[in-house]
Amino acid sequence: MARIVLSVLGVLLAIYVVFGLLIPALFGIFKVLLIIAVIAFVAVAAVTVLGKLSK
């Protein structure tokens, strides 16, 4: 009986870790990478436009 209870508690803890910790962390990392990519795109576009205008 104790083995079943501990197995159920282990499964519940694993579900909590996946949905409560890992998925929000992955979305946070994705959001930061997206912001960095947008900033890099704007910087490259600005340098390209300035380079073409100066000629």
PDB file of N, CA and C in Angstrom:
ATOM      1  N   MET A   1       0.825  -1.194   0.000  1.00  0.00           N
ATOM      2  CA  MET A   1       0.000   0.000   0.000  1.00  0.00           C
ATOM      3  C   MET A   1       0.871   1.261   0.000  1.00  0.00           C
ATOM      4  N   ALA A   2       1.931   1.243   0.801  1.00  0.00           N
ATOM      5  CA  ALA A   2       2.819   2.404   0.863  1.00  0.00           C
ATOM      6  C   ALA A   2       3.505   2.626  -0.477  1.00  0.00           C
ATOM      7  N   ARG A   3       3.798   1.524  -1.162  1.00  0.00           N
ATOM      8  CA  ARG A   3       4.443   1.637  -2.470  1.00  0.00           C
ATOM      9  C   ARG A   3       3.520   2.326  -3.479  1.00  0.00           C
ATOM     10  N   ILE A   4       2.262   2.007  -3.438  1.00  0.00           N
ATOM     11  CA  ILE A   4       1.289   2.628  -4.348  1.00  0.00           C
ATOM     12  C   ILE A   4       1.149   4.112  -4.033  1.00  0.00           C
ATOM     13  N   VAL A   5       1.059   4.442  -2.745  1.00  0.00           N
ATOM     14  CA  VAL A   5       0.914   5.845  -2.349  1.00  0.00           C
ATOM     15  C   VAL A   5       2.139   6.640  -2.783  1.00  0.00           C
ATOM     16  N   LEU A   6       3.323   6.089  -2.557  1.00  0.00           N
ATOM     17  CA  LEU A   6       4.544   6.788  -2.954  1.00  0.00           C
ATOM     18  C   LEU A   6       4.655   6.902  -4.470  1.00  0.00           C
ATOM     19  N   SER A   7       4.198   5.907  -5.197  1.00  0.00           N
ATOM     20  CA  SER A   7       4.207   5.991  -6.652  1.00  0.00           C
ATOM     21  C   SER A   7       3.282   7.101  -7.140  1.00  0.00           C
ATOM     22  N   VAL A   8       2.097   7.194  -6.554  1.00  0.00           N
ATOM     23  CA  VAL A   8       1.157   8.248  -6.926  1.00  0.00           C
ATOM     24  C   VAL A   8       1.741   9.615  -6.590  1.00  0.00           C
ATOM     25  N   LEU A   9       2.352   9.758  -5.420  1.00  0.00           N
ATOM     26  CA  LEU A   9       2.971  11.023  -5.044  1.00  0.00           C
ATOM     27  C   LEU A   9       4.122  11.372  -5.989  1.00  0.00           C
ATOM     28  N   GLY A  10       4.880  10.387  -6.403  1.00  0.00           N
ATOM     29  CA  GLY A  10       5.970  10.619  -7.362  1.00  0.00           C
ATOM     30  C   GLY A  10       5.451  11.097  -8.705  1.00  0.00           C
ATOM     31  N   VAL A  11       4.373  10.500  -9.170  1.00  0.00           N
ATOM     32  CA  VAL A  11       3.784  10.925 -10.440  1.00  0.00           C
ATOM     33  C   VAL A  11       3.242  12.343 -10.326  1.00  0.00           C
ATOM     34  N   LEU A  12       2.576  12.653  -9.227  1.00  0.00           N
ATOM     35  CA  LEU A  12       2.057  14.007  -9.026  1.00  0.00           C
ATOM     36  C   LEU A  12       3.186  15.031  -8.956  1.00  0.00           C
ATOM     37  N   LEU A  13       4.283  14.687  -8.300  1.00  0.00           N
ATOM     38  CA  LEU A  13       5.429  15.584  -8.228  1.00  0.00           C
ATOM     39  C   LEU A  13       6.055  15.780  -9.600  1.00  0.00           C
ATOM     40  N   ALA A  14       6.152  14.716 -10.384  1.00  0.00           N
ATOM     41  CA  ALA A  14       6.705  14.832 -11.733  1.00  0.00           C
ATOM     42  C   ALA A  14       5.827  15.719 -12.606  1.00  0.00           C
ATOM     43  N   ILE A  15       4.512  15.576 -12.504  1.00  0.00           N
ATOM     44  CA  ILE A  15       3.597  16.430 -13.276  1.00  0.00           C
ATOM     45  C   ILE A  15       3.739  17.885 -12.845  1.00  0.00           C
ATOM     46  N   TYR A  16       3.876  18.114 -11.532  1.00  0.00           N
ATOM     47  CA  TYR A  16       4.058  19.478 -11.039  1.00  0.00           C
ATOM     48  C   TYR A  16       5.353  20.089 -11.570  1.00  0.00           C
ATOM     49  N   VAL A  17       6.418  19.318 -11.567  1.00  0.00           N
ATOM     50  CA  VAL A  17       7.707  19.835 -12.038  1.00  0.00           C
ATOM     51  C   VAL A  17       7.621  20.177 -13.521  1.00  0.00           C
ATOM     52  N   VAL A  18       6.993  19.313 -14.309  1.00  0.00           N
ATOM     53  CA  VAL A  18       6.913  19.565 -15.753  1.00  0.00           C
ATOM     54  C   VAL A  18       6.044  20.780 -16.044  1.00  0.00           C
ATOM     55  N   PHE A  19       4.854  20.826 -15.467  1.00  0.00           N
ATOM     56  CA  PHE A  19       3.924  21.903 -15.808  1.00  0.00           C
ATOM     57  C   PHE A  19       4.164  23.172 -14.994  1.00  0.00           C
ATOM     58  N   GLY A  20       4.722  23.058 -13.814  1.00  0.00           N
ATOM     59  CA  GLY A  20       4.908  24.213 -12.963  1.00  0.00           C
ATOM     60  C   GLY A  20       6.254  24.878 -13.101  1.00  0.00           C
ATOM     61  N   LEU A  21       7.260  24.127 -13.511  1.00  0.00           N
ATOM     62  CA  LEU A  21       8.610  24.674 -13.555  1.00  0.00           C
ATOM     63  C   LEU A  21       9.225  24.668 -14.952  1.00  0.00           C
ATOM     64  N   LEU A  22       9.165  23.541 -15.636  1.00  0.00           N
ATOM     65  CA  LEU A  22       9.886  23.418 -16.905  1.00  0.00           C
ATOM     66  C   LEU A  22       9.218  24.182 -18.041  1.00  0.00           C
ATOM     67  N   ILE A  23       7.916  24.043 -18.192  1.00  0.00           N
ATOM     68  CA  ILE A  23       7.230  24.705 -19.309  1.00  0.00           C
ATOM     69  C   ILE A  23       7.294  26.230 -19.176  1.00  0.00           C
ATOM     70  N   PRO A  24       7.045  26.819 -18.003  1.00  0.00           N
ATOM     71  CA  PRO A  24       7.219  28.277 -17.907  1.00  0.00           C
ATOM     72  C   PRO A  24       8.666  28.719 -18.141  1.00  0.00           C
ATOM     73  N   ALA A  25       9.626  27.923 -17.703  1.00  0.00           N
ATOM     74  CA  ALA A  25      11.026  28.275 -17.938  1.00  0.00           C
ATOM     75  C   ALA A  25      11.346  28.249 -19.427  1.00  0.00           C
ATOM     76  N   LEU A  26      10.839  27.253 -20.140  1.00  0.00           N
ATOM     77  CA  LEU A  26      11.081  27.176 -21.582  1.00  0.00           C
ATOM     78  C   LEU A  26      10.431  28.357 -22.306  1.00  0.00           C
ATOM     79  N   PHE A  27       9.220  28.732 -21.897  1.00  0.00           N
ATOM     80  CA  PHE A  27       8.574  29.887 -22.516  1.00  0.00           C
ATOM     81  C   PHE A  27       9.339  31.168 -22.209  1.00  0.00           C
ATOM     82  N   GLY A  28       9.882  31.282 -21.002  1.00  0.00           N
ATOM     83  CA  GLY A  28      10.682  32.450 -20.642  1.00  0.00           C
ATOM     84  C   GLY A  28      11.945  32.544 -21.484  1.00  0.00           C
ATOM     85  N   ILE A  29      12.627  31.422 -21.674  1.00  0.00           N
ATOM     86  CA  ILE A  29      13.829  31.405 -22.499  1.00  0.00           C
ATOM     87  C   ILE A  29      13.478  31.743 -23.945  1.00  0.00           C
ATOM     88  N   PHE A  30      12.374  31.200 -24.442  1.00  0.00           N
ATOM     89  CA  PHE A  30      11.951  31.485 -25.813  1.00  0.00           C
ATOM     90  C   PHE A  30      11.641  32.965 -25.993  1.00  0.00           C
ATOM     91  N   LYS A  31      11.003  33.567 -24.983  1.00  0.00           N
ATOM     92  CA  LYS A  31      10.657  34.981 -25.055  1.00  0.00           C
ATOM     93  C   LYS A  31      11.928  35.844 -25.085  1.00  0.00           C
ATOM     94  N   VAL A  32      12.911  35.509 -24.255  1.00  0.00           N
ATOM     95  CA  VAL A  32      14.171  36.264 -24.230  1.00  0.00           C
ATOM     96  C   VAL A  32      14.893  36.130 -25.573  1.00  0.00           C
ATOM     97  N   LEU A  33      14.936  34.922 -26.118  1.00  0.00           N
ATOM     98  CA  LEU A  33      15.591  34.721 -27.412  1.00  0.00           C
ATOM     99  C   LEU A  33      14.866  35.478 -28.519  1.00  0.00           C
ATOM    100  N   LEU A  34      13.561  35.528 -28.462  1.00  0.00           N
ATOM    101  CA  LEU A  34      12.790  36.273 -29.458  1.00  0.00           C
ATOM    102  C   LEU A  34      13.087  37.769 -29.379  1.00  0.00           C
ATOM    103  N   ILE A  35      13.179  38.302 -28.172  1.00  0.00           N
ATOM    104  CA  ILE A  35      13.503  39.721 -28.003  1.00  0.00           C
ATOM    105  C   ILE A  35      14.901  40.014 -28.528  1.00  0.00           C
ATOM    106  N   ILE A  36      15.870  39.142 -28.234  1.00  0.00           N
ATOM    107  CA  ILE A  36      17.238  39.328 -28.727  1.00  0.00           C
ATOM    108  C   ILE A  36      17.263  39.268 -30.251  1.00  0.00           C
ATOM    109  N   ALA A  37      16.490  38.359 -30.841  1.00  0.00           N
ATOM    110  CA  ALA A  37      16.450  38.244 -32.298  1.00  0.00           C
ATOM    111  C   ALA A  37      15.858  39.498 -32.933  1.00  0.00           C
ATOM    112  N   VAL A  38      14.820  40.063 -32.331  1.00  0.00           N
ATOM    113  CA  VAL A  38      14.216  41.285 -32.872  1.00  0.00           C
ATOM    114  C   VAL A  38      15.200  42.446 -32.783  1.00  0.00           C
ATOM    115  N   ILE A  39      15.904  42.568 -31.666  1.00  0.00           N
ATOM    116  CA  ILE A  39      16.901  43.632 -31.511  1.00  0.00           C
ATOM    117  C   ILE A  39      18.020  43.469 -32.535  1.00  0.00           C
ATOM    118  N   ALA A  40      18.485  42.239 -32.743  1.00  0.00           N
ATOM    119  CA  ALA A  40      19.540  41.992 -33.732  1.00  0.00           C
ATOM    120  C   ALA A  40      19.049  42.324 -35.137  1.00  0.00           C
ATOM    121  N   PHE A  41      17.803  41.982 -35.457  1.00  0.00           N
ATOM    122  CA  PHE A  41      17.249  42.288 -36.772  1.00  0.00           C
ATOM    123  C   PHE A  41      17.194  43.793 -37.003  1.00  0.00           C
ATOM    124  N   VAL A  42      16.749  44.533 -35.991  1.00  0.00           N
ATOM    125  CA  VAL A  42      16.670  45.987 -36.120  1.00  0.00           C
ATOM    126  C   VAL A  42      18.065  46.584 -36.289  1.00  0.00           C
ATOM    127  N   ALA A  43      19.039  46.075 -35.557  1.00  0.00           N
ATOM    128  CA  ALA A  43      20.400  46.589 -35.673  1.00  0.00           C
ATOM    129  C   ALA A  43      20.973  46.317 -37.062  1.00  0.00           C
ATOM    130  N   VAL A  44      20.789  45.109 -37.573  1.00  0.00           N
ATOM    131  CA  VAL A  44      21.303  44.772 -38.914  1.00  0.00           C
ATOM    132  C   VAL A  44      20.588  45.599 -39.971  1.00  0.00           C
ATOM    133  N   ALA A  45      19.288  45.780 -39.839  1.00  0.00           N
ATOM    134  CA  ALA A  45      18.542  46.582 -40.803  1.00  0.00           C
ATOM    135  C   ALA A  45      19.009  48.039 -40.777  1.00  0.00           C
ATOM    136  N   ALA A  46      19.263  48.579 -39.592  1.00  0.00           N
ATOM    137  CA  ALA A  46      19.720  49.967 -39.482  1.00  0.00           C
ATOM    138  C   ALA A  46      21.098  50.138 -40.109  1.00  0.00           C
ATOM    139  N   VAL A  47      21.995  49.204 -39.849  1.00  0.00           N
ATOM    140  CA  VAL A  47      23.339  49.293 -40.430  1.00  0.00           C
ATOM    141  C   VAL A  47      23.263  49.164 -41.949  1.00  0.00           C
ATOM    142  N   THR A  48      22.421  48.280 -42.441  1.00  0.00           N
ATOM    143  CA  THR A  48      22.271  48.106 -43.885  1.00  0.00           C
ATOM    144  C   THR A  48      21.716  49.375 -44.531  1.00  0.00           C
ATOM    145  N   VAL A  49      20.692  49.954 -43.953  1.00  0.00           N
ATOM    146  CA  VAL A  49      20.089  51.162 -44.494  1.00  0.00           C
ATOM    147  C   VAL A  49      21.096  52.315 -44.446  1.00  0.00           C
ATOM    148  N   LEU A  50      21.791  52.485 -43.338  1.00  0.00           N
ATOM    149  CA  LEU A  50      22.789  53.556 -43.237  1.00  0.00           C
ATOM    150  C   LEU A  50      23.937  53.352 -44.232  1.00  0.00           C
ATOM    151  N   GLY A  51      24.316  52.101 -44.430  1.00  0.00           N
ATOM    152  CA  GLY A  51      25.377  51.803 -45.400  1.00  0.00           C
ATOM    153  C   GLY A  51      24.971  52.124 -46.823  1.00  0.00           C
ATOM    154  N   LYS A  52      23.735  51.856 -47.172  1.00  0.00           N
ATOM    155  CA  LYS A  52      23.272  52.154 -48.529  1.00  0.00           C
ATOM    156  C   LYS A  52      23.027  53.646 -48.724  1.00  0.00           C
ATOM    157  N   LEU A  53      22.619  54.352 -47.685  1.00  0.00           N
ATOM    158  CA  LEU A  53      22.369  55.779 -47.792  1.00  0.00           C
ATOM    159  C   LEU A  53      23.661  56.596 -47.884  1.00  0.00           C
ATOM    160  N   SER A  54      24.739  56.091 -47.311  1.00  0.00           N
ATOM    161  CA  SER A  54      25.967  56.876 -47.290  1.00  0.00           C
ATOM    162  C   SER A  54      26.717  56.822 -48.616  1.00  0.00           C
ATOM    163  N   LYS A  55      26.340  55.918 -49.503  1.00  0.00           N
ATOM    164  CA  LYS A  55      27.052  55.791 -50.790  1.00  0.00           C
ATOM    165  C   LYS A  55      26.601  56.793 -51.795  1.00  0.00           C
TER     166      LYS A  55
END
